């Protein structure tokens, strides 16, 4: 059984930009935290949130780099935090909670992709799963009191079309007993992001906390895909012979402004006020796809929208939640 994935007719589409979807929305008096807010889609999200009047805090592993990237957005607050360092996550959350400020928007946008070699964090977990999912799981639960205090908060889990490459392999998440595959590891972490939104919305809706998973599109103009062979990108039609990004939103290849649109839409749209726990793309709730027979090949369907059932399965979401609590030692506040 899966959650309903039914488009609502948002009026936006594949080429919509973050500026377009937030037009007319006033975030004055609202507070947002955007992980990964000093590069790529996160940076664009910070820009439009600030322009709409929000207070925006950007957690940063590299504070110096963040200051340079955000030099033109002086109002953005940069606080130190490393998603692979549980103590730094706790310190960040404690600092925020000490303000007794409601948190209206949390965008979990930071991520890593396709590490070429198996890398484990200090607790022994595969680094993509640890960064993309476990770090954000811990951060969100630590910030729960502030999200609850907003009386209408939204948490955005930035997932990916990459979820199609792998479900969460609960029997061997950390590749102890199977050969490491960079793309499968990335896919597993992106499925985890989507499942987290399902389980989080189930728990948070009673406290006014709604959660959404987002596929932003294929955005070549970021550092996320730095480990991907350019020959693969050329074969997919993502870059030209000179290595320049090809912008073709109808095929899923977007600019950062287009890519950030769906997470901004999910964070701010009044059309989603009574919804949550769904996977979205192109500024719309995605349709549910039947999984392919045999191996999934990205080149065949990169422009096709939709989410595979394993990424919105409530049973898998509950299993992931329990496992995440065990692996982080962090539990939802009562």
C-alpha atoms as a PDB file:
ATOM      1  CA  UNK A   1       0.000   0.000   0.000  1.00  0.00           C
ATOM      2  CA  UNK A   2       1.338   3.456  -0.872  1.00  0.00           C
ATOM      3  CA  UNK A   3       0.351   6.989  -0.081  1.00  0.00           C
ATOM      4  CA  UNK A   4      -1.715   8.781  -2.726  1.00  0.00           C
ATOM      5  CA  UNK A   5       0.424  10.503  -5.313  1.00  0.00           C
ATOM      6  CA  UNK A   6      -2.138  12.665  -7.070  1.00  0.00           C
ATOM      7  CA  UNK A   7      -1.255  15.882  -8.953  1.00  0.00           C
ATOM      8  CA  UNK A   8      -3.268  18.912  -7.838  1.00  0.00           C
ATOM      9  CA  UNK A   9      -2.944  21.208 -10.876  1.00  0.00           C
ATOM     10  CA  UNK A  10      -0.488  23.700  -9.400  1.00  0.00           C
ATOM     11  CA  UNK A  11      -0.327  25.935 -12.461  1.00  0.00           C
ATOM     12  CA  UNK A  12       3.459  25.628 -12.570  1.00  0.00           C
ATOM     13  CA  UNK A  13       5.638  23.281 -14.578  1.00  0.00           C
ATOM     14  CA  UNK A  14       9.032  21.965 -15.584  1.00  0.00           C
ATOM     15  CA  UNK A  15      10.465  25.380 -16.502  1.00  0.00           C
ATOM     16  CA  UNK A  16       9.047  27.322 -13.544  1.00  0.00           C
ATOM     17  CA  UNK A  17      11.604  29.154 -11.431  1.00  0.00           C
ATOM     18  CA  UNK A  18      11.907  29.681  -7.698  1.00  0.00           C
ATOM     19  CA  UNK A  19      11.089  33.369  -8.173  1.00  0.00           C
ATOM     20  CA  UNK A  20       7.897  32.480 -10.033  1.00  0.00           C
ATOM     21  CA  UNK A  21       6.539  30.051  -7.440  1.00  0.00           C
ATOM     22  CA  UNK A  22       7.192  32.376  -4.490  1.00  0.00           C
ATOM     23  CA  UNK A  23       5.800  35.492  -6.189  1.00  0.00           C
ATOM     24  CA  UNK A  24       3.244  37.203  -3.954  1.00  0.00           C
ATOM     25  CA  UNK A  25       4.177  35.173  -0.859  1.00  0.00           C
ATOM     26  CA  UNK A  26       5.315  37.182   2.167  1.00  0.00           C
ATOM     27  CA  UNK A  27       7.657  35.384   4.563  1.00  0.00           C
ATOM     28  CA  UNK A  28       8.151  38.347   6.878  1.00  0.00           C
ATOM     29  CA  UNK A  29       8.396  37.074  10.437  1.00  0.00           C
ATOM     30  CA  UNK A  30       9.176  33.521   9.300  1.00  0.00           C
ATOM     31  CA  UNK A  31      12.402  31.663  10.018  1.00  0.00           C
ATOM     32  CA  UNK A  32      13.949  29.128   7.646  1.00  0.00           C
ATOM     33  CA  UNK A  33      16.964  26.843   7.892  1.00  0.00           C
ATOM     34  CA  UNK A  34      18.461  25.629   4.602  1.00  0.00           C
ATOM     35  CA  UNK A  35      21.185  22.986   4.704  1.00  0.00           C
ATOM     36  CA  UNK A  36      23.465  23.181   1.701  1.00  0.00           C
ATOM     37  CA  UNK A  37      22.426  26.815   1.478  1.00  0.00           C
ATOM     38  CA  UNK A  38      25.728  28.084   0.150  1.00  0.00           C
ATOM     39  CA  UNK A  39      25.820  26.227  -3.156  1.00  0.00           C
ATOM     40  CA  UNK A  40      23.582  25.080  -5.966  1.00  0.00           C
ATOM     41  CA  UNK A  41      19.883  24.748  -5.273  1.00  0.00           C
ATOM     42  CA  UNK A  42      20.314  25.625  -1.622  1.00  0.00           C
ATOM     43  CA  UNK A  43      21.878  28.968  -2.487  1.00  0.00           C
ATOM     44  CA  UNK A  44      19.000  29.819  -4.826  1.00  0.00           C
ATOM     45  CA  UNK A  45      16.522  28.799  -2.122  1.00  0.00           C
ATOM     46  CA  UNK A  46      18.208  31.067   0.409  1.00  0.00           C
ATOM     47  CA  UNK A  47      18.109  33.964  -2.051  1.00  0.00           C
ATOM     48  CA  UNK A  48      14.374  33.761  -2.715  1.00  0.00           C
ATOM     49  CA  UNK A  49      13.499  33.178   0.952  1.00  0.00           C
ATOM     50  CA  UNK A  50      15.430  36.306   1.922  1.00  0.00           C
ATOM     51  CA  UNK A  51      13.810  38.296  -0.875  1.00  0.00           C
ATOM     52  CA  UNK A  52      10.394  37.239   0.464  1.00  0.00           C
ATOM     53  CA  UNK A  53      11.280  38.587   3.905  1.00  0.00           C
ATOM     54  CA  UNK A  54      12.319  35.467   5.821  1.00  0.00           C
ATOM     55  CA  UNK A  55      15.113  35.143   8.306  1.00  0.00           C
ATOM     56  CA  UNK A  56      17.391  32.435   6.870  1.00  0.00           C
ATOM     57  CA  UNK A  57      20.055  30.409   8.682  1.00  0.00           C
ATOM     58  CA  UNK A  58      22.552  28.385   6.685  1.00  0.00           C
ATOM     59  CA  UNK A  59      24.388  25.546   8.461  1.00  0.00           C
ATOM     60  CA  UNK A  60      27.902  25.227   7.046  1.00  0.00           C
ATOM     61  CA  UNK A  61      30.650  22.666   7.385  1.00  0.00           C
ATOM     62  CA  UNK A  62      33.025  25.132   5.706  1.00  0.00           C
ATOM     63  CA  UNK A  63      32.129  28.514   7.175  1.00  0.00           C
ATOM     64  CA  UNK A  64      34.751  30.366   5.142  1.00  0.00           C
ATOM     65  CA  UNK A  65      33.475  28.972   1.869  1.00  0.00           C
ATOM     66  CA  UNK A  66      29.923  29.783   2.907  1.00  0.00           C
ATOM     67  CA  UNK A  67      30.821  33.399   3.635  1.00  0.00           C
ATOM     68  CA  UNK A  68      32.311  33.790   0.166  1.00  0.00           C
ATOM     69  CA  UNK A  69      29.329  32.137  -1.541  1.00  0.00           C
ATOM     70  CA  UNK A  70      26.820  34.214   0.415  1.00  0.00           C
ATOM     71  CA  UNK A  71      28.709  37.506   0.169  1.00  0.00           C
ATOM     72  CA  UNK A  72      25.902  39.047  -1.888  1.00  0.00           C
ATOM     73  CA  UNK A  73      23.285  37.813   0.578  1.00  0.00           C
ATOM     74  CA  UNK A  74      24.555  39.508   3.711  1.00  0.00           C
ATOM     75  CA  UNK A  75      21.311  38.910   5.607  1.00  0.00           C
ATOM     76  CA  UNK A  76      21.859  35.151   5.574  1.00  0.00           C
ATOM     77  CA  UNK A  77      23.151  33.864   8.917  1.00  0.00           C
ATOM     78  CA  UNK A  78      25.929  31.272   8.721  1.00  0.00           C
ATOM     79  CA  UNK A  79      26.197  28.845  11.624  1.00  0.00           C
ATOM     80  CA  UNK A  80      28.729  25.999  11.816  1.00  0.00           C
ATOM     81  CA  UNK A  81      27.454  22.435  11.409  1.00  0.00           C
ATOM     82  CA  UNK A  82      28.672  19.224   9.779  1.00  0.00           C
ATOM     83  CA  UNK A  83      26.108  16.579   8.816  1.00  0.00           C
ATOM     84  CA  UNK A  84      28.705  13.859   9.390  1.00  0.00           C
ATOM     85  CA  UNK A  85      29.436  15.098  12.923  1.00  0.00           C
ATOM     86  CA  UNK A  86      26.595  14.260  15.337  1.00  0.00           C
ATOM     87  CA  UNK A  87      28.021  16.536  18.044  1.00  0.00           C
ATOM     88  CA  UNK A  88      28.001  19.515  15.693  1.00  0.00           C
ATOM     89  CA  UNK A  89      24.383  18.798  14.722  1.00  0.00           C
ATOM     90  CA  UNK A  90      23.394  18.734  18.374  1.00  0.00           C
ATOM     91  CA  UNK A  91      25.294  21.976  19.028  1.00  0.00           C
ATOM     92  CA  UNK A  92      23.610  23.708  16.091  1.00  0.00           C
ATOM     93  CA  UNK A  93      20.157  22.604  17.228  1.00  0.00           C
ATOM     94  CA  UNK A  94      20.831  23.551  20.840  1.00  0.00           C
ATOM     95  CA  UNK A  95      21.913  27.033  19.757  1.00  0.00           C
ATOM     96  CA  UNK A  96      18.725  27.484  17.763  1.00  0.00           C
ATOM     97  CA  UNK A  97      16.424  26.090  20.449  1.00  0.00           C
ATOM     98  CA  UNK A  98      18.027  28.404  23.016  1.00  0.00           C
ATOM     99  CA  UNK A  99      16.516  31.331  21.092  1.00  0.00           C
ATOM    100  CA  UNK A 100      13.002  29.911  21.634  1.00  0.00           C
ATOM    101  CA  UNK A 101      12.251  30.923  18.046  1.00  0.00           C
ATOM    102  CA  UNK A 102       9.661  28.995  16.007  1.00  0.00           C
ATOM    103  CA  UNK A 103      11.072  27.291  12.920  1.00  0.00           C
ATOM    104  CA  UNK A 104       8.672  27.617  10.006  1.00  0.00           C
ATOM    105  CA  UNK A 105      10.696  26.044   7.200  1.00  0.00           C
ATOM    106  CA  UNK A 106      13.462  23.436   7.235  1.00  0.00           C
ATOM    107  CA  UNK A 107      14.917  22.580   3.831  1.00  0.00           C
ATOM    108  CA  UNK A 108      17.243  19.587   3.977  1.00  0.00           C
ATOM    109  CA  UNK A 109      19.017  20.358   0.717  1.00  0.00           C
ATOM    110  CA  UNK A 110      22.650  19.399   1.391  1.00  0.00           C
ATOM    111  CA  UNK A 111      23.918  16.200  -0.130  1.00  0.00           C
ATOM    112  CA  UNK A 112      26.745  14.229  -1.667  1.00  0.00           C
ATOM    113  CA  UNK A 113      26.585  11.964  -4.701  1.00  0.00           C
ATOM    114  CA  UNK A 114      28.284   8.895  -6.119  1.00  0.00           C
ATOM    115  CA  UNK A 115      31.422   8.787  -3.978  1.00  0.00           C
ATOM    116  CA  UNK A 116      33.794   6.663  -6.092  1.00  0.00           C
ATOM    117  CA  UNK A 117      34.976   4.513  -3.185  1.00  0.00           C
ATOM    118  CA  UNK A 118      33.186   3.109  -0.171  1.00  0.00           C
ATOM    119  CA  UNK A 119      33.535   5.683   2.600  1.00  0.00           C
ATOM    120  CA  UNK A 120      32.268   5.198   6.147  1.00  0.00           C
ATOM    121  CA  UNK A 121      31.556   7.830   8.771  1.00  0.00           C
ATOM    122  CA  UNK A 122      32.885   7.699  12.336  1.00  0.00           C
ATOM    123  CA  UNK A 123      29.983   5.427  13.335  1.00  0.00           C
ATOM    124  CA  UNK A 124      30.620   3.001  10.494  1.00  0.00           C
ATOM    125  CA  UNK A 125      27.807   4.045   8.159  1.00  0.00           C
ATOM    126  CA  UNK A 126      28.139   4.537   4.404  1.00  0.00           C
ATOM    127  CA  UNK A 127      28.842   8.228   3.869  1.00  0.00           C
ATOM    128  CA  UNK A 128      26.075   9.026   1.370  1.00  0.00           C
ATOM    129  CA  UNK A 129      23.424   7.434   3.584  1.00  0.00           C
ATOM    130  CA  UNK A 130      24.958   9.089   6.653  1.00  0.00           C
ATOM    131  CA  UNK A 131      25.130  12.571   5.112  1.00  0.00           C
ATOM    132  CA  UNK A 132      22.010  12.636   2.988  1.00  0.00           C
ATOM    133  CA  UNK A 133      19.723  10.854   5.430  1.00  0.00           C
ATOM    134  CA  UNK A 134      21.034  10.224   8.950  1.00  0.00           C
ATOM    135  CA  UNK A 135      22.445  13.729   9.455  1.00  0.00           C
ATOM    136  CA  UNK A 136      19.188  15.306   8.346  1.00  0.00           C
ATOM    137  CA  UNK A 137      17.165  12.854  10.437  1.00  0.00           C
ATOM    138  CA  UNK A 138      19.098  13.875  13.545  1.00  0.00           C
ATOM    139  CA  UNK A 139      18.863  17.589  12.735  1.00  0.00           C
ATOM    140  CA  UNK A 140      15.107  17.468  12.126  1.00  0.00           C
ATOM    141  CA  UNK A 141      14.334  15.590  15.319  1.00  0.00           C
ATOM    142  CA  UNK A 142      16.558  17.850  17.399  1.00  0.00           C
ATOM    143  CA  UNK A 143      14.703  20.865  15.970  1.00  0.00           C
ATOM    144  CA  UNK A 144      11.276  19.313  16.574  1.00  0.00           C
ATOM    145  CA  UNK A 145      10.265  21.664  19.438  1.00  0.00           C
ATOM    146  CA  UNK A 146      10.907  24.697  17.216  1.00  0.00           C
ATOM    147  CA  UNK A 147       9.024  23.154  14.296  1.00  0.00           C
ATOM    148  CA  UNK A 148       6.097  22.382  16.588  1.00  0.00           C
ATOM    149  CA  UNK A 149       6.137  25.934  17.944  1.00  0.00           C
ATOM    150  CA  UNK A 150       5.591  27.317  14.427  1.00  0.00           C
ATOM    151  CA  UNK A 151       2.035  25.904  14.357  1.00  0.00           C
ATOM    152  CA  UNK A 152       2.388  25.222  10.665  1.00  0.00           C
ATOM    153  CA  UNK A 153       5.943  24.180   9.767  1.00  0.00           C
ATOM    154  CA  UNK A 154       7.187  22.489   6.626  1.00  0.00           C
ATOM    155  CA  UNK A 155      10.145  20.150   6.258  1.00  0.00           C
ATOM    156  CA  UNK A 156      11.501  19.554   2.768  1.00  0.00           C
ATOM    157  CA  UNK A 157      13.570  16.437   2.093  1.00  0.00           C
ATOM    158  CA  UNK A 158      15.455  16.921  -1.157  1.00  0.00           C
ATOM    159  CA  UNK A 159      15.364  13.501  -2.784  1.00  0.00           C
ATOM    160  CA  UNK A 160      16.052  12.723  -6.432  1.00  0.00           C
ATOM    161  CA  UNK A 161      15.104  10.793  -9.522  1.00  0.00           C
ATOM    162  CA  UNK A 162      18.064   8.757  -8.290  1.00  0.00           C
ATOM    163  CA  UNK A 163      15.713   6.978  -5.879  1.00  0.00           C
ATOM    164  CA  UNK A 164      14.896   4.753  -8.840  1.00  0.00           C
ATOM    165  CA  UNK A 165      18.356   3.188  -8.683  1.00  0.00           C
ATOM    166  CA  UNK A 166      17.832   1.453  -5.360  1.00  0.00           C
ATOM    167  CA  UNK A 167      15.427   0.917  -2.511  1.00  0.00           C
ATOM    168  CA  UNK A 168      16.831   1.021   1.004  1.00  0.00           C
ATOM    169  CA  UNK A 169      18.580  -2.341   1.316  1.00  0.00           C
ATOM    170  CA  UNK A 170      17.874  -2.872   4.997  1.00  0.00           C
ATOM    171  CA  UNK A 171      19.865  -6.083   5.118  1.00  0.00           C
ATOM    172  CA  UNK A 172      23.086  -4.319   4.080  1.00  0.00           C
ATOM    173  CA  UNK A 173      22.791  -0.540   4.063  1.00  0.00           C
ATOM    174  CA  UNK A 174      26.526  -0.044   4.649  1.00  0.00           C
ATOM    175  CA  UNK A 175      27.766  -2.449   1.942  1.00  0.00           C
ATOM    176  CA  UNK A 176      29.383  -4.895   4.315  1.00  0.00           C
ATOM    177  CA  UNK A 177      28.190  -7.928   2.350  1.00  0.00           C
ATOM    178  CA  UNK A 178      27.691  -6.628  -1.189  1.00  0.00           C
ATOM    179  CA  UNK A 179      29.950  -4.911  -3.671  1.00  0.00           C
ATOM    180  CA  UNK A 180      29.935  -1.143  -3.315  1.00  0.00           C
ATOM    181  CA  UNK A 181      28.243   0.680  -6.177  1.00  0.00           C
ATOM    182  CA  UNK A 182      28.383   4.507  -6.065  1.00  0.00           C
ATOM    183  CA  UNK A 183      25.106   5.011  -7.905  1.00  0.00           C
ATOM    184  CA  UNK A 184      23.242   2.356  -5.932  1.00  0.00           C
ATOM    185  CA  UNK A 185      24.484   3.947  -2.698  1.00  0.00           C
ATOM    186  CA  UNK A 186      23.296   7.341  -3.867  1.00  0.00           C
ATOM    187  CA  UNK A 187      19.954   5.899  -4.932  1.00  0.00           C
ATOM    188  CA  UNK A 188      19.499   4.224  -1.559  1.00  0.00           C
ATOM    189  CA  UNK A 189      20.133   7.525   0.239  1.00  0.00           C
ATOM    190  CA  UNK A 190      17.638   9.352  -1.983  1.00  0.00           C
ATOM    191  CA  UNK A 191      15.002   6.686  -1.370  1.00  0.00           C
ATOM    192  CA  UNK A 192      15.694   7.204   2.333  1.00  0.00           C
ATOM    193  CA  UNK A 193      15.048  10.943   1.926  1.00  0.00           C
ATOM    194  CA  UNK A 194      11.657  10.233   0.366  1.00  0.00           C
ATOM    195  CA  UNK A 195      10.704   7.631   2.975  1.00  0.00           C
ATOM    196  CA  UNK A 196      11.717  10.042   5.729  1.00  0.00           C
ATOM    197  CA  UNK A 197       9.152  12.539   4.444  1.00  0.00           C
ATOM    198  CA  UNK A 198       6.467   9.835   4.575  1.00  0.00           C
ATOM    199  CA  UNK A 199       7.202   8.848   8.182  1.00  0.00           C
ATOM    200  CA  UNK A 200       7.850  12.413   9.330  1.00  0.00           C
ATOM    201  CA  UNK A 201       4.560  13.697   7.974  1.00  0.00           C
ATOM    202  CA  UNK A 202       2.693  10.859   9.692  1.00  0.00           C
ATOM    203  CA  UNK A 203       4.188  11.891  13.043  1.00  0.00           C
ATOM    204  CA  UNK A 204       4.337  15.632  12.520  1.00  0.00           C
ATOM    205  CA  UNK A 205       0.941  16.433  11.054  1.00  0.00           C
ATOM    206  CA  UNK A 206      -0.687  16.342  14.493  1.00  0.00           C
ATOM    207  CA  UNK A 207       1.709  19.123  15.528  1.00  0.00           C
ATOM    208  CA  UNK A 208       1.250  21.109  12.326  1.00  0.00           C
ATOM    209  CA  UNK A 209       4.502  19.804  10.820  1.00  0.00           C
ATOM    210  CA  UNK A 210       4.103  18.690   7.202  1.00  0.00           C
ATOM    211  CA  UNK A 211       6.850  17.032   5.176  1.00  0.00           C
ATOM    212  CA  UNK A 212       7.494  16.738   1.456  1.00  0.00           C
ATOM    213  CA  UNK A 213      10.080  14.921  -0.634  1.00  0.00           C
ATOM    214  CA  UNK A 214      11.357  16.688  -3.742  1.00  0.00           C
ATOM    215  CA  UNK A 215      13.067  15.755  -6.984  1.00  0.00           C
ATOM    216  CA  UNK A 216      14.537  19.053  -8.262  1.00  0.00           C
ATOM    217  CA  UNK A 217      15.488  17.842 -11.733  1.00  0.00           C
ATOM    218  CA  UNK A 218      18.865  17.150 -13.282  1.00  0.00           C
ATOM    219  CA  UNK A 219      20.995  20.199 -12.472  1.00  0.00           C
ATOM    220  CA  UNK A 220      24.424  20.015 -14.063  1.00  0.00           C
ATOM    221  CA  UNK A 221      25.411  23.530 -12.941  1.00  0.00           C
ATOM    222  CA  UNK A 222      26.150  22.415  -9.361  1.00  0.00           C
ATOM    223  CA  UNK A 223      28.989  20.527  -7.689  1.00  0.00           C
ATOM    224  CA  UNK A 224      26.807  17.561  -6.774  1.00  0.00           C
ATOM    225  CA  UNK A 225      27.752  15.469  -9.798  1.00  0.00           C
ATOM    226  CA  UNK A 226      31.487  16.130  -9.684  1.00  0.00           C
ATOM    227  CA  UNK A 227      32.279  12.405  -9.581  1.00  0.00           C
ATOM    228  CA  UNK A 228      30.151  11.580 -12.640  1.00  0.00           C
ATOM    229  CA  UNK A 229      32.122  10.811 -15.803  1.00  0.00           C
ATOM    230  CA  UNK A 230      31.560  13.644 -18.339  1.00  0.00           C
ATOM    231  CA  UNK A 231      31.192  10.990 -21.032  1.00  0.00           C
ATOM    232  CA  UNK A 232      28.113   9.691 -19.231  1.00  0.00           C
ATOM    233  CA  UNK A 233      26.681  13.203 -19.038  1.00  0.00           C
ATOM    234  CA  UNK A 234      27.266  13.711 -22.766  1.00  0.00           C
ATOM    235  CA  UNK A 235      25.579  10.398 -23.530  1.00  0.00           C
ATOM    236  CA  UNK A 236      22.562  11.467 -21.481  1.00  0.00           C
ATOM    237  CA  UNK A 237      22.413  14.787 -23.326  1.00  0.00           C
ATOM    238  CA  UNK A 238      23.180  16.800 -20.189  1.00  0.00           C
ATOM    239  CA  UNK A 239      26.281  18.555 -21.542  1.00  0.00           C
ATOM    240  CA  UNK A 240      27.557  19.454 -24.986  1.00  0.00           C
ATOM    241  CA  UNK A 241      30.894  18.550 -26.559  1.00  0.00           C
ATOM    242  CA  UNK A 242      32.585  21.448 -24.732  1.00  0.00           C
ATOM    243  CA  UNK A 243      31.228  20.344 -21.380  1.00  0.00           C
ATOM    244  CA  UNK A 244      28.630  23.105 -21.100  1.00  0.00           C
ATOM    245  CA  UNK A 245      25.302  22.322 -19.476  1.00  0.00           C
ATOM    246  CA  UNK A 246      22.387  21.828 -21.865  1.00  0.00           C
ATOM    247  CA  UNK A 247      19.215  23.378 -20.470  1.00  0.00           C
ATOM    248  CA  UNK A 248      16.197  21.377 -21.577  1.00  0.00           C
ATOM    249  CA  UNK A 249      13.554  21.350 -18.837  1.00  0.00           C
ATOM    250  CA  UNK A 250      11.210  19.244 -20.954  1.00  0.00           C
ATOM    251  CA  UNK A 251      13.828  16.480 -20.615  1.00  0.00           C
ATOM    252  CA  UNK A 252      14.533  17.212 -16.968  1.00  0.00           C
ATOM    253  CA  UNK A 253      17.716  19.277 -17.430  1.00  0.00           C
ATOM    254  CA  UNK A 254      17.253  22.511 -15.520  1.00  0.00           C
ATOM    255  CA  UNK A 255      19.005  25.636 -14.310  1.00  0.00           C
ATOM    256  CA  UNK A 256      19.501  26.070 -10.548  1.00  0.00           C
ATOM    257  CA  UNK A 257      16.629  28.587 -10.568  1.00  0.00           C
ATOM    258  CA  UNK A 258      14.346  25.951 -12.092  1.00  0.00           C
ATOM    259  CA  UNK A 259      15.732  23.220  -9.886  1.00  0.00           C
ATOM    260  CA  UNK A 260      15.056  25.127  -6.678  1.00  0.00           C
ATOM    261  CA  UNK A 261      11.468  25.860  -7.694  1.00  0.00           C
ATOM    262  CA  UNK A 262       9.909  22.644  -6.399  1.00  0.00           C
ATOM    263  CA  UNK A 263      11.474  22.816  -2.947  1.00  0.00           C
ATOM    264  CA  UNK A 264      10.430  26.472  -2.656  1.00  0.00           C
ATOM    265  CA  UNK A 265       6.930  25.571  -3.841  1.00  0.00           C
ATOM    266  CA  UNK A 266       6.645  22.777  -1.287  1.00  0.00           C
ATOM    267  CA  UNK A 267       7.927  25.076   1.464  1.00  0.00           C
ATOM    268  CA  UNK A 268       5.550  27.951   0.766  1.00  0.00           C
ATOM    269  CA  UNK A 269       2.541  27.069  -1.403  1.00  0.00           C
ATOM    270  CA  UNK A 270      -0.871  27.516   0.182  1.00  0.00           C
ATOM    271  CA  UNK A 271      -2.151  24.773  -2.134  1.00  0.00           C
ATOM    272  CA  UNK A 272      -0.269  22.247   0.021  1.00  0.00           C
ATOM    273  CA  UNK A 273      -1.590  23.497   3.361  1.00  0.00           C
ATOM    274  CA  UNK A 274      -3.502  20.287   4.121  1.00  0.00           C
ATOM    275  CA  UNK A 275      -1.168  17.862   2.355  1.00  0.00           C
ATOM    276  CA  UNK A 276       2.099  16.129   3.141  1.00  0.00           C
ATOM    277  CA  UNK A 277       4.087  12.941   2.985  1.00  0.00           C
ATOM    278  CA  UNK A 278       4.191  13.048  -0.804  1.00  0.00           C
ATOM    279  CA  UNK A 279       6.947  13.101  -3.413  1.00  0.00           C
ATOM    280  CA  UNK A 280       6.950  16.154  -5.685  1.00  0.00           C
ATOM    281  CA  UNK A 281       8.669  17.321  -8.864  1.00  0.00           C
ATOM    282  CA  UNK A 282       8.148  20.073 -11.436  1.00  0.00           C
ATOM    283  CA  UNK A 283       6.211  22.052  -8.790  1.00  0.00           C
ATOM    284  CA  UNK A 284       3.571  19.343  -8.581  1.00  0.00           C
ATOM    285  CA  UNK A 285       2.755  16.172  -6.668  1.00  0.00           C
ATOM    286  CA  UNK A 286       4.220  13.339  -8.726  1.00  0.00           C
ATOM    287  CA  UNK A 287       2.356  10.383 -10.130  1.00  0.00           C
ATOM    288  CA  UNK A 288       3.101   6.871  -8.953  1.00  0.00           C
ATOM    289  CA  UNK A 289       4.981   4.750 -11.494  1.00  0.00           C
ATOM    290  CA  UNK A 290       5.054   1.013 -11.895  1.00  0.00           C
ATOM    291  CA  UNK A 291       8.642  -0.145 -11.397  1.00  0.00           C
ATOM    292  CA  UNK A 292      10.350  -1.430 -14.541  1.00  0.00           C
ATOM    293  CA  UNK A 293      10.978  -5.079 -15.204  1.00  0.00           C
ATOM    294  CA  UNK A 294      14.672  -5.757 -14.879  1.00  0.00           C
ATOM    295  CA  UNK A 295      17.412  -3.164 -14.411  1.00  0.00           C
ATOM    296  CA  UNK A 296      16.405   0.490 -14.384  1.00  0.00           C
ATOM    297  CA  UNK A 297      18.178   2.526 -17.081  1.00  0.00           C
ATOM    298  CA  UNK A 298      18.243   6.265 -16.450  1.00  0.00           C
ATOM    299  CA  UNK A 299      18.738   7.198 -20.088  1.00  0.00           C
ATOM    300  CA  UNK A 300      15.415   5.685 -21.033  1.00  0.00           C
ATOM    301  CA  UNK A 301      13.285   7.746 -18.654  1.00  0.00           C
ATOM    302  CA  UNK A 302      15.272  10.712 -17.330  1.00  0.00           C
ATOM    303  CA  UNK A 303      12.579  13.125 -18.525  1.00  0.00           C
ATOM    304  CA  UNK A 304       9.675  10.996 -17.319  1.00  0.00           C
ATOM    305  CA  UNK A 305       8.114  12.153 -14.096  1.00  0.00           C
ATOM    306  CA  UNK A 306       6.919   9.927 -11.309  1.00  0.00           C
ATOM    307  CA  UNK A 307       8.017   8.086  -8.199  1.00  0.00           C
ATOM    308  CA  UNK A 308       8.624   4.372  -7.733  1.00  0.00           C
ATOM    309  CA  UNK A 309       6.495   2.682  -5.050  1.00  0.00           C
ATOM    310  CA  UNK A 310       9.487   1.710  -2.904  1.00  0.00           C
ATOM    311  CA  UNK A 311      10.172   5.402  -2.176  1.00  0.00           C
ATOM    312  CA  UNK A 312       6.703   6.150  -0.777  1.00  0.00           C
ATOM    313  CA  UNK A 313       5.973   2.830   0.904  1.00  0.00           C
ATOM    314  CA  UNK A 314       4.698   3.497   4.450  1.00  0.00           C
ATOM    315  CA  UNK A 315       5.881   0.095   5.700  1.00  0.00           C
ATOM    316  CA  UNK A 316       9.438   0.778   4.519  1.00  0.00           C
ATOM    317  CA  UNK A 317       9.162   4.314   5.927  1.00  0.00           C
ATOM    318  CA  UNK A 318       8.360   2.957   9.393  1.00  0.00           C
ATOM    319  CA  UNK A 319      11.201   0.465   9.190  1.00  0.00           C
ATOM    320  CA  UNK A 320      13.606   3.226   8.169  1.00  0.00           C
ATOM    321  CA  UNK A 321      12.423   5.471  11.001  1.00  0.00           C
ATOM    322  CA  UNK A 322      13.073   2.777  13.604  1.00  0.00           C
ATOM    323  CA  UNK A 323      16.474   2.011  12.106  1.00  0.00           C
ATOM    324  CA  UNK A 324      17.403   5.703  11.996  1.00  0.00           C
ATOM    325  CA  UNK A 325      16.535   6.124  15.660  1.00  0.00           C
ATOM    326  CA  UNK A 326      18.737   3.141  16.451  1.00  0.00           C
ATOM    327  CA  UNK A 327      21.655   4.349  14.352  1.00  0.00           C
ATOM    328  CA  UNK A 328      21.578   7.965  15.585  1.00  0.00           C
ATOM    329  CA  UNK A 329      20.334   7.420  19.127  1.00  0.00           C
ATOM    330  CA  UNK A 330      17.879  10.286  18.520  1.00  0.00           C
ATOM    331  CA  UNK A 331      14.140   9.947  19.069  1.00  0.00           C
ATOM    332  CA  UNK A 332      11.165  12.157  18.358  1.00  0.00           C
ATOM    333  CA  UNK A 333      10.432  14.377  21.390  1.00  0.00           C
ATOM    334  CA  UNK A 334       7.162  13.569  23.113  1.00  0.00           C
END
